[in-house]
PDB file of N, CA and C in Angstrom:
ATOM      1  N   UNK A   1     162.844  89.826 149.933  1.00  0.00           N
ATOM      2  CA  UNK A   1     161.983  90.519 149.011  1.00  0.00           C
ATOM      3  C   UNK A   1     162.711  91.747 148.472  1.00  0.00           C
ATOM      4  N   UNK A   2     162.515  92.020 147.196  1.00  0.00           N
ATOM      5  CA  UNK A   2     163.196  93.150 146.557  1.00  0.00           C
ATOM      6  C   UNK A   2     162.590  94.470 147.004  1.00  0.00           C
ATOM      7  N   UNK A   3     163.415  95.474 147.104  1.00  0.00           N
ATOM      8  CA  UNK A   3     162.970  96.819 147.440  1.00  0.00           C
ATOM      9  C   UNK A   3     162.201  97.394 146.252  1.00  0.00           C
ATOM     10  N   UNK A   4     160.963  97.863 146.490  1.00  0.00           N
ATOM     11  CA  UNK A   4     160.113  98.375 145.411  1.00  0.00           C
ATOM     12  C   UNK A   4     160.732  99.585 144.720  1.00  0.00           C
ATOM     13  N   UNK A   5     161.603 100.303 145.400  1.00  0.00           N
ATOM     14  CA  UNK A   5     162.215 101.488 144.801  1.00  0.00           C
ATOM     15  C   UNK A   5     163.546 101.191 144.114  1.00  0.00           C
ATOM     16  N   UNK A   6     163.874  99.916 143.950  1.00  0.00           N
ATOM     17  CA  UNK A   6     165.094  99.521 143.258  1.00  0.00           C
ATOM     18  C   UNK A   6     164.938  99.865 141.782  1.00  0.00           C
ATOM     19  N   UNK A   7     165.563 100.946 141.345  1.00  0.00           N
ATOM     20  CA  UNK A   7     165.377 101.461 139.994  1.00  0.00           C
ATOM     21  C   UNK A   7     165.890 100.519 138.918  1.00  0.00           C
ATOM     22  N   UNK A   8     166.709  99.552 139.270  1.00  0.00           N
ATOM     23  CA  UNK A   8     167.211  98.608 138.283  1.00  0.00           C
ATOM     24  C   UNK A   8     166.217  97.492 138.012  1.00  0.00           C
ATOM     25  N   UNK A   9     165.243  97.274 138.909  1.00  0.00           N
ATOM     26  CA  UNK A   9     164.305  96.168 138.747  1.00  0.00           C
ATOM     27  C   UNK A   9     162.910  96.603 138.329  1.00  0.00           C
ATOM     28  N   UNK A  10     162.571  97.890 138.503  1.00  0.00           N
ATOM     29  CA  UNK A  10     161.237  98.374 138.193  1.00  0.00           C
ATOM     30  C   UNK A  10     161.301  99.572 137.273  1.00  0.00           C
ATOM     31  N   UNK A  11     160.283  99.698 136.434  1.00  0.00           N
ATOM     32  CA  UNK A  11     160.168 100.876 135.593  1.00  0.00           C
ATOM     33  C   UNK A  11     159.768 102.037 136.495  1.00  0.00           C
ATOM     34  N   UNK A  12     160.460 103.140 136.356  1.00  0.00           N
ATOM     35  CA  UNK A  12     160.144 104.332 137.139  1.00  0.00           C
ATOM     36  C   UNK A  12     159.533 105.370 136.197  1.00  0.00           C
ATOM     37  N   UNK A  13     158.445 105.986 136.626  1.00  0.00           N
ATOM     38  CA  UNK A  13     157.780 107.036 135.865  1.00  0.00           C
ATOM     39  C   UNK A  13     157.561 108.201 136.812  1.00  0.00           C
ATOM     40  N   UNK A  14     158.158 109.347 136.499  1.00  0.00           N
ATOM     41  CA  UNK A  14     158.078 110.540 137.340  1.00  0.00           C
ATOM     42  C   UNK A  14     158.463 110.242 138.791  1.00  0.00           C
ATOM     43  N   UNK A  15     159.484 109.406 138.958  1.00  0.00           N
ATOM     44  CA  UNK A  15     160.036 109.132 140.280  1.00  0.00           C
ATOM     45  C   UNK A  15     159.310 108.099 141.105  1.00  0.00           C
ATOM     46  N   UNK A  16     158.287 107.444 140.541  1.00  0.00           N
ATOM     47  CA  UNK A  16     157.536 106.419 141.268  1.00  0.00           C
ATOM     48  C   UNK A  16     157.554 105.113 140.465  1.00  0.00           C
ATOM     49  N   UNK A  17     157.499 103.965 141.145  1.00  0.00           N
ATOM     50  CA  UNK A  17     157.510 102.683 140.429  1.00  0.00           C
ATOM     51  C   UNK A  17     156.192 102.418 139.700  1.00  0.00           C
ATOM     52  N   UNK A  18     156.300 101.802 138.529  1.00  0.00           N
ATOM     53  CA  UNK A  18     155.154 101.392 137.728  1.00  0.00           C
ATOM     54  C   UNK A  18     155.287  99.888 137.501  1.00  0.00           C
ATOM     55  N   UNK A  19     154.341  99.132 138.039  1.00  0.00           N
ATOM     56  CA  UNK A  19     154.390  97.672 137.970  1.00  0.00           C
ATOM     57  C   UNK A  19     153.195  97.167 137.171  1.00  0.00           C
ATOM     58  N   UNK A  20     153.444  96.235 136.258  1.00  0.00           N
ATOM     59  CA  UNK A  20     152.380  95.701 135.416  1.00  0.00           C
ATOM     60  C   UNK A  20     152.251  94.204 135.606  1.00  0.00           C
ATOM     61  N   UNK A  21     150.998  93.752 135.639  1.00  0.00           N
ATOM     62  CA  UNK A  21     150.715  92.321 135.607  1.00  0.00           C
ATOM     63  C   UNK A  21     149.525  92.137 134.681  1.00  0.00           C
ATOM     64  N   UNK A  22     149.781  91.582 133.514  1.00  0.00           N
ATOM     65  CA  UNK A  22     148.731  91.425 132.519  1.00  0.00           C
ATOM     66  C   UNK A  22     148.207  92.773 132.074  1.00  0.00           C
ATOM     67  N   UNK A  23     146.902  92.985 132.198  1.00  0.00           N
ATOM     68  CA  UNK A  23     146.272  94.238 131.805  1.00  0.00           C
ATOM     69  C   UNK A  23     146.043  95.182 132.971  1.00  0.00           C
ATOM     70  N   UNK A  24     146.788  94.993 134.055  1.00  0.00           N
ATOM     71  CA  UNK A  24     146.638  95.850 135.222  1.00  0.00           C
ATOM     72  C   UNK A  24     147.970  96.496 135.578  1.00  0.00           C
ATOM     73  N   UNK A  25     147.904  97.767 135.948  1.00  0.00           N
ATOM     74  CA  UNK A  25     149.096  98.512 136.334  1.00  0.00           C
ATOM     75  C   UNK A  25     148.883  99.104 137.720  1.00  0.00           C
ATOM     76  N   UNK A  26     149.939  99.109 138.523  1.00  0.00           N
ATOM     77  CA  UNK A  26     149.933  99.781 139.818  1.00  0.00           C
ATOM     78  C   UNK A  26     151.055 100.798 139.782  1.00  0.00           C
ATOM     79  N   UNK A  27     150.717 102.047 140.078  1.00  0.00           N
ATOM     80  CA  UNK A  27     151.686 103.135 140.030  1.00  0.00           C
ATOM     81  C   UNK A  27     151.760 103.776 141.398  1.00  0.00           C
ATOM     82  N   UNK A  28     152.955 103.927 141.917  1.00  0.00           N
ATOM     83  CA  UNK A  28     153.157 104.543 143.218  1.00  0.00           C
ATOM     84  C   UNK A  28     153.672 103.522 144.216  1.00  0.00           C
ATOM     85  N   UNK A  29     153.791 103.983 145.451  1.00  0.00           N
ATOM     86  CA  UNK A  29     154.341 103.152 146.517  1.00  0.00           C
ATOM     87  C   UNK A  29     153.274 102.867 147.569  1.00  0.00           C
ATOM     88  N   UNK A  30     153.230 101.642 148.052  1.00  0.00           N
ATOM     89  CA  UNK A  30     152.285 101.279 149.099  1.00  0.00           C
ATOM     90  C   UNK A  30     152.643 101.933 150.428  1.00  0.00           C
ATOM     91  N   UNK A  31     153.842 102.513 150.526  1.00  0.00           N
ATOM     92  CA  UNK A  31     154.251 103.237 151.733  1.00  0.00           C
ATOM     93  C   UNK A  31     153.603 104.620 151.813  1.00  0.00           C
ATOM     94  N   UNK A  32     153.062 105.115 150.701  1.00  0.00           N
ATOM     95  CA  UNK A  32     152.419 106.423 150.685  1.00  0.00           C
ATOM     96  C   UNK A  32     150.924 106.267 150.952  1.00  0.00           C
ATOM     97  N   UNK A  33     150.225 107.378 151.091  1.00  0.00           N
ATOM     98  CA  UNK A  33     148.801 107.334 151.451  1.00  0.00           C
ATOM     99  C   UNK A  33     147.900 106.821 150.330  1.00  0.00           C
ATOM    100  N   UNK A  34     148.303 106.993 149.072  1.00  0.00           N
ATOM    101  CA  UNK A  34     147.486 106.595 147.927  1.00  0.00           C
ATOM    102  C   UNK A  34     148.338 105.930 146.844  1.00  0.00           C
ATOM    103  N   UNK A  35     147.688 105.124 146.018  1.00  0.00           N
ATOM    104  CA  UNK A  35     148.315 104.548 144.829  1.00  0.00           C
ATOM    105  C   UNK A  35     147.353 104.714 143.655  1.00  0.00           C
ATOM    106  N   UNK A  36     147.891 104.541 142.460  1.00  0.00           N
ATOM    107  CA  UNK A  36     147.092 104.652 141.239  1.00  0.00           C
ATOM    108  C   UNK A  36     146.951 103.261 140.640  1.00  0.00           C
ATOM    109  N   UNK A  37     145.718 102.900 140.291  1.00  0.00           N
ATOM    110  CA  UNK A  37     145.446 101.628 139.644  1.00  0.00           C
ATOM    111  C   UNK A  37     144.937 101.905 138.238  1.00  0.00           C
ATOM    112  N   UNK A  38     145.505 101.220 137.256  1.00  0.00           N
ATOM    113  CA  UNK A  38     145.073 101.344 135.865  1.00  0.00           C
ATOM    114  C   UNK A  38     144.628  99.969 135.375  1.00  0.00           C
ATOM    115  N   UNK A  39     143.427  99.879 134.864  1.00  0.00           N
ATOM    116  CA  UNK A  39     142.913  98.619 134.327  1.00  0.00           C
ATOM    117  C   UNK A  39     142.627  98.749 132.850  1.00  0.00           C
ATOM    118  N   UNK A  40     143.310  97.952 132.030  1.00  0.00           N
ATOM    119  CA  UNK A  40     143.144  97.988 130.576  1.00  0.00           C
ATOM    120  C   UNK A  40     141.943  97.126 130.193  1.00  0.00           C
ATOM    121  N   UNK A  41     140.986  97.724 129.475  1.00  0.00           N
ATOM    122  CA  UNK A  41     139.777  96.999 129.060  1.00  0.00           C
ATOM    123  C   UNK A  41     139.942  96.306 127.719  1.00  0.00           C
ATOM    124  N   UNK A  42     140.684  96.937 126.808  1.00  0.00           N
ATOM    125  CA  UNK A  42     140.873  96.337 125.485  1.00  0.00           C
ATOM    126  C   UNK A  42     142.190  96.824 124.891  1.00  0.00           C
ATOM    127  N   UNK A  43     142.607  96.165 123.852  1.00  0.00           N
ATOM    128  CA  UNK A  43     143.835  96.558 123.157  1.00  0.00           C
ATOM    129  C   UNK A  43     143.518  96.772 121.681  1.00  0.00           C
ATOM    130  N   UNK A  44     144.393  97.521 121.021  1.00  0.00           N
ATOM    131  CA  UNK A  44     144.241  97.812 119.597  1.00  0.00           C
ATOM    132  C   UNK A  44     145.529  97.441 118.876  1.00  0.00           C
ATOM    133  N   UNK A  45     145.390  96.864 117.719  1.00  0.00           N
ATOM    134  CA  UNK A  45     146.546  96.460 116.918  1.00  0.00           C
ATOM    135  C   UNK A  45     146.975  97.626 116.035  1.00  0.00           C
ATOM    136  N   UNK A  46     148.242  98.037 116.165  1.00  0.00           N
ATOM    137  CA  UNK A  46     148.829  99.083 115.321  1.00  0.00           C
ATOM    138  C   UNK A  46     150.097  98.502 114.716  1.00  0.00           C
ATOM    139  N   UNK A  47     149.983  98.047 113.468  1.00  0.00           N
ATOM    140  CA  UNK A  47     151.117  97.382 112.839  1.00  0.00           C
ATOM    141  C   UNK A  47     151.400  96.084 113.568  1.00  0.00           C
ATOM    142  N   UNK A  48     152.626  95.916 114.022  1.00  0.00           N
ATOM    143  CA  UNK A  48     152.986  94.693 114.751  1.00  0.00           C
ATOM    144  C   UNK A  48     152.826  94.835 116.265  1.00  0.00           C
ATOM    145  N   UNK A  49     152.356  96.008 116.712  1.00  0.00           N
ATOM    146  CA  UNK A  49     152.246  96.275 118.151  1.00  0.00           C
ATOM    147  C   UNK A  49     150.809  96.219 118.632  1.00  0.00           C
ATOM    148  N   UNK A  50     150.630  95.760 119.848  1.00  0.00           N
ATOM    149  CA  UNK A  50     149.338  95.734 120.522  1.00  0.00           C
ATOM    150  C   UNK A  50     149.371  96.833 121.591  1.00  0.00           C
ATOM    151  N   UNK A  51     148.520  97.847 121.441  1.00  0.00           N
ATOM    152  CA  UNK A  51     148.515  98.989 122.348  1.00  0.00           C
ATOM    153  C   UNK A  51     147.241  99.009 123.186  1.00  0.00           C
ATOM    154  N   UNK A  52     147.352  99.548 124.397  1.00  0.00           N
ATOM    155  CA  UNK A  52     146.193  99.653 125.280  1.00  0.00           C
ATOM    156  C   UNK A  52     145.166 100.602 124.680  1.00  0.00           C
ATOM    157  N   UNK A  53     143.899 100.229 124.778  1.00  0.00           N
ATOM    158  CA  UNK A  53     142.804 101.068 124.296  1.00  0.00           C
ATOM    159  C   UNK A  53     142.174 101.816 125.459  1.00  0.00           C
ATOM    160  N   UNK A  54     140.985 101.372 125.872  1.00  0.00           N
ATOM    161  CA  UNK A  54     140.280 102.012 126.979  1.00  0.00           C
ATOM    162  C   UNK A  54     140.853 101.550 128.318  1.00  0.00           C
ATOM    163  N   UNK A  55     141.079 102.518 129.212  1.00  0.00           N
ATOM    164  CA  UNK A  55     141.701 102.244 130.505  1.00  0.00           C
ATOM    165  C   UNK A  55     140.909 102.934 131.606  1.00  0.00           C
ATOM    166  N   UNK A  56     140.633 102.202 132.690  1.00  0.00           N
ATOM    167  CA  UNK A  56     140.037 102.810 133.872  1.00  0.00           C
ATOM    168  C   UNK A  56     141.169 103.284 134.774  1.00  0.00           C
ATOM    169  N   UNK A  57     141.084 104.539 135.212  1.00  0.00           N
ATOM    170  CA  UNK A  57     142.090 105.166 136.066  1.00  0.00           C
ATOM    171  C   UNK A  57     141.449 105.361 137.438  1.00  0.00           C
ATOM    172  N   UNK A  58     142.090 104.822 138.500  1.00  0.00           N
ATOM    173  CA  UNK A  58     141.541 104.952 139.852  1.00  0.00           C
ATOM    174  C   UNK A  58     142.633 105.340 140.840  1.00  0.00           C
ATOM    175  N   UNK A  59     142.385 106.388 141.603  1.00  0.00           N
ATOM    176  CA  UNK A  59     143.253 106.741 142.720  1.00  0.00           C
ATOM    177  C   UNK A  59     142.620 106.111 143.954  1.00  0.00           C
ATOM    178  N   UNK A  60     143.384 105.235 144.620  1.00  0.00           N
ATOM    179  CA  UNK A  60     142.854 104.508 145.779  1.00  0.00           C
ATOM    180  C   UNK A  60     143.652 104.823 147.035  1.00  0.00           C
ATOM    181  N   UNK A  61     142.941 104.880 148.147  1.00  0.00           N
ATOM    182  CA  UNK A  61     143.571 105.069 149.446  1.00  0.00           C
ATOM    183  C   UNK A  61     144.206 103.752 149.880  1.00  0.00           C
ATOM    184  N   UNK A  62     145.442 103.803 150.354  1.00  0.00           N
ATOM    185  CA  UNK A  62     146.098 102.589 150.840  1.00  0.00           C
ATOM    186  C   UNK A  62     145.614 102.213 152.229  1.00  0.00           C
ATOM    187  N   UNK A  63     145.006 103.148 152.945  1.00  0.00           N
ATOM    188  CA  UNK A  63     144.532 102.875 154.303  1.00  0.00           C
ATOM    189  C   UNK A  63     143.288 101.982 154.304  1.00  0.00           C
ATOM    190  N   UNK A  64     142.305 102.314 153.455  1.00  0.00           N
ATOM    191  CA  UNK A  64     141.049 101.566 153.477  1.00  0.00           C
ATOM    192  C   UNK A  64     140.606 101.035 152.113  1.00  0.00           C
ATOM    193  N   UNK A  65     141.373 101.296 151.062  1.00  0.00           N
ATOM    194  CA  UNK A  65     141.037 100.811 149.724  1.00  0.00           C
ATOM    195  C   UNK A  65     139.953 101.616 149.025  1.00  0.00           C
ATOM    196  N   UNK A  66     139.524 102.713 149.620  1.00  0.00           N
ATOM    197  CA  UNK A  66     138.477 103.550 149.041  1.00  0.00           C
ATOM    198  C   UNK A  66     138.976 104.227 147.767  1.00  0.00           C
ATOM    199  N   UNK A  67     138.122 104.231 146.747  1.00  0.00           N
ATOM    200  CA  UNK A  67     138.456 104.903 145.489  1.00  0.00           C
ATOM    201  C   UNK A  67     138.151 106.384 145.656  1.00  0.00           C
ATOM    202  N   UNK A  68     139.183 107.217 145.524  1.00  0.00           N
ATOM    203  CA  UNK A  68     139.055 108.658 145.716  1.00  0.00           C
ATOM    204  C   UNK A  68     138.621 109.375 144.437  1.00  0.00           C
ATOM    205  N   UNK A  69     139.096 108.874 143.293  1.00  0.00           N
ATOM    206  CA  UNK A  69     138.766 109.502 142.011  1.00  0.00           C
ATOM    207  C   UNK A  69     138.894 108.437 140.926  1.00  0.00           C
ATOM    208  N   UNK A  70     137.986 108.483 139.944  1.00  0.00           N
ATOM    209  CA  UNK A  70     138.001 107.470 138.895  1.00  0.00           C
ATOM    210  C   UNK A  70     137.551 108.097 137.569  1.00  0.00           C
ATOM    211  N   UNK A  71     138.142 107.625 136.476  1.00  0.00           N
ATOM    212  CA  UNK A  71     137.761 108.078 135.135  1.00  0.00           C
ATOM    213  C   UNK A  71     138.153 107.005 134.129  1.00  0.00           C
ATOM    214  N   UNK A  72     137.642 107.140 132.927  1.00  0.00           N
ATOM    215  CA  UNK A  72     138.007 106.252 131.836  1.00  0.00           C
ATOM    216  C   UNK A  72     138.735 107.082 130.791  1.00  0.00           C
ATOM    217  N   UNK A  73     139.913 106.627 130.370  1.00  0.00           N
ATOM    218  CA  UNK A  73     140.719 107.334 129.378  1.00  0.00           C
ATOM    219  C   UNK A  73     141.070 106.377 128.246  1.00  0.00           C
ATOM    220  N   UNK A  74     141.547 106.955 127.137  1.00  0.00           N
ATOM    221  CA  UNK A  74     141.943 106.135 125.994  1.00  0.00           C
ATOM    222  C   UNK A  74     143.458 106.220 125.817  1.00  0.00           C
ATOM    223  N   UNK A  75     144.116 105.108 125.954  1.00  0.00           N
ATOM    224  CA  UNK A  75     145.559 105.037 125.767  1.00  0.00           C
ATOM    225  C   UNK A  75     146.322 105.164 127.072  1.00  0.00           C
ATOM    226  N   UNK A  76     147.429 104.472 127.150  1.00  0.00           N
ATOM    227  CA  UNK A  76     148.229 104.443 128.370  1.00  0.00           C
ATOM    228  C   UNK A  76     148.827 105.804 128.711  1.00  0.00           C
ATOM    229  N   UNK A  77     149.257 106.554 127.720  1.00  0.00           N
ATOM    230  CA  UNK A  77     149.851 107.859 127.997  1.00  0.00           C
ATOM    231  C   UNK A  77     148.843 108.790 128.658  1.00  0.00           C
ATOM    232  N   UNK A  78     147.660 108.897 128.078  1.00  0.00           N
ATOM    233  CA  UNK A  78     146.628 109.774 128.621  1.00  0.00           C
ATOM    234  C   UNK A  78     146.237 109.341 130.036  1.00  0.00           C
ATOM    235  N   UNK A  79     146.109 108.034 130.261  1.00  0.00           N
ATOM    236  CA  UNK A  79     145.737 107.518 131.578  1.00  0.00           C
ATOM    237  C   UNK A  79     146.820 107.808 132.621  1.00  0.00           C
ATOM    238  N   UNK A  80     148.069 107.567 132.276  1.00  0.00           N
ATOM    239  CA  UNK A  80     149.165 107.820 133.219  1.00  0.00           C
ATOM    240  C   UNK A  80     149.367 109.317 133.463  1.00  0.00           C
ATOM    241  N   UNK A  81     149.174 110.123 132.448  1.00  0.00           N
ATOM    242  CA  UNK A  81     149.370 111.559 132.585  1.00  0.00           C
ATOM    243  C   UNK A  81     148.394 112.146 133.601  1.00  0.00           C
ATOM    244  N   UNK A  82     147.110 111.884 133.441  1.00  0.00           N
ATOM    245  CA  UNK A  82     146.121 112.427 134.376  1.00  0.00           C
ATOM    246  C   UNK A  82     146.212 111.704 135.722  1.00  0.00           C
ATOM    247  N   UNK A  83     146.448 110.399 135.691  1.00  0.00           N
ATOM    248  CA  UNK A  83     146.537 109.631 136.924  1.00  0.00           C
ATOM    249  C   UNK A  83     147.696 110.058 137.814  1.00  0.00           C
ATOM    250  N   UNK A  84     148.841 110.353 137.228  1.00  0.00           N
ATOM    251  CA  UNK A  84     150.005 110.794 138.003  1.00  0.00           C
ATOM    252  C   UNK A  84     149.729 112.136 138.666  1.00  0.00           C
ATOM    253  N   UNK A  85     149.042 113.029 137.965  1.00  0.00           N
ATOM    254  CA  UNK A  85     148.690 114.331 138.543  1.00  0.00           C
ATOM    255  C   UNK A  85     147.717 114.149 139.706  1.00  0.00           C
ATOM    256  N   UNK A  86     146.700 113.302 139.521  1.00  0.00           N
ATOM    257  CA  UNK A  86     145.740 113.028 140.595  1.00  0.00           C
ATOM    258  C   UNK A  86     146.428 112.407 141.803  1.00  0.00           C
ATOM    259  N   UNK A  87     147.339 111.476 141.550  1.00  0.00           N
ATOM    260  CA  UNK A  87     148.047 110.799 142.643  1.00  0.00           C
ATOM    261  C   UNK A  87     148.862 111.798 143.465  1.00  0.00           C
ATOM    262  N   UNK A  88     149.570 112.695 142.795  1.00  0.00           N
ATOM    263  CA  UNK A  88     150.339 113.717 143.514  1.00  0.00           C
ATOM    264  C   UNK A  88     149.430 114.580 144.378  1.00  0.00           C
ATOM    265  N   UNK A  89     148.269 114.967 143.844  1.00  0.00           N
ATOM    266  CA  UNK A  89     147.321 115.769 144.617  1.00  0.00           C
ATOM    267  C   UNK A  89     146.772 114.977 145.807  1.00  0.00           C
ATOM    268  N   UNK A  90     146.465 113.705 145.594  1.00  0.00           N
ATOM    269  CA  UNK A  90     145.925 112.873 146.677  1.00  0.00           C
ATOM    270  C   UNK A  90     146.941 112.708 147.808  1.00  0.00           C
ATOM    271  N   UNK A  91     148.187 112.505 147.456  1.00  0.00           N
ATOM    272  CA  UNK A  91     149.240 112.336 148.467  1.00  0.00           C
ATOM    273  C   UNK A  91     149.417 113.631 149.278  1.00  0.00           C
ATOM    274  N   UNK A  92     149.237 114.776 148.615  1.00  0.00           N
ATOM    275  CA  UNK A  92     149.338 116.061 149.310  1.00  0.00           C
ATOM    276  C   UNK A  92     148.044 116.432 150.037  1.00  0.00           C
ATOM    277  N   UNK A  93     146.991 115.619 149.892  1.00  0.00           N
ATOM    278  CA  UNK A  93     145.712 115.881 150.540  1.00  0.00           C
ATOM    279  C   UNK A  93     144.891 116.953 149.870  1.00  0.00           C
ATOM    280  N   UNK A  94     145.137 117.183 148.576  1.00  0.00           N
ATOM    281  CA  UNK A  94     144.450 118.264 147.856  1.00  0.00           C
ATOM    282  C   UNK A  94     143.544 117.757 146.733  1.00  0.00           C
ATOM    283  N   UNK A  95     143.302 116.455 146.660  1.00  0.00           N
ATOM    284  CA  UNK A  95     142.446 115.906 145.610  1.00  0.00           C
ATOM    285  C   UNK A  95     141.002 116.156 145.999  1.00  0.00           C
ATOM    286  N   UNK A  96     140.260 116.851 145.140  1.00  0.00           N
ATOM    287  CA  UNK A  96     138.882 117.212 145.472  1.00  0.00           C
ATOM    288  C   UNK A  96     137.854 116.513 144.679  1.00  0.00           C
TER     289      UNK A  96
END
């Protein structure tokens, strides 16, 4: 099995792996206490490109699968930006 932190095989965002399957994204490492889950609800056509529209952002505990924080954002950048900040806080035990 490939190492999840192999930077040549996975997209890295702010030092953590970002893996996509269809309209779902997993950000972070399963070796840490929390991961970020992004679920794309719809897409929008902009010229020849299909971009993510509404996205559910969830910080989940890897120990029990409990959702620690959740929100709905518009666009992948906005979702990853707030989600990455929440994930860092959750890993440090400071997510309130």
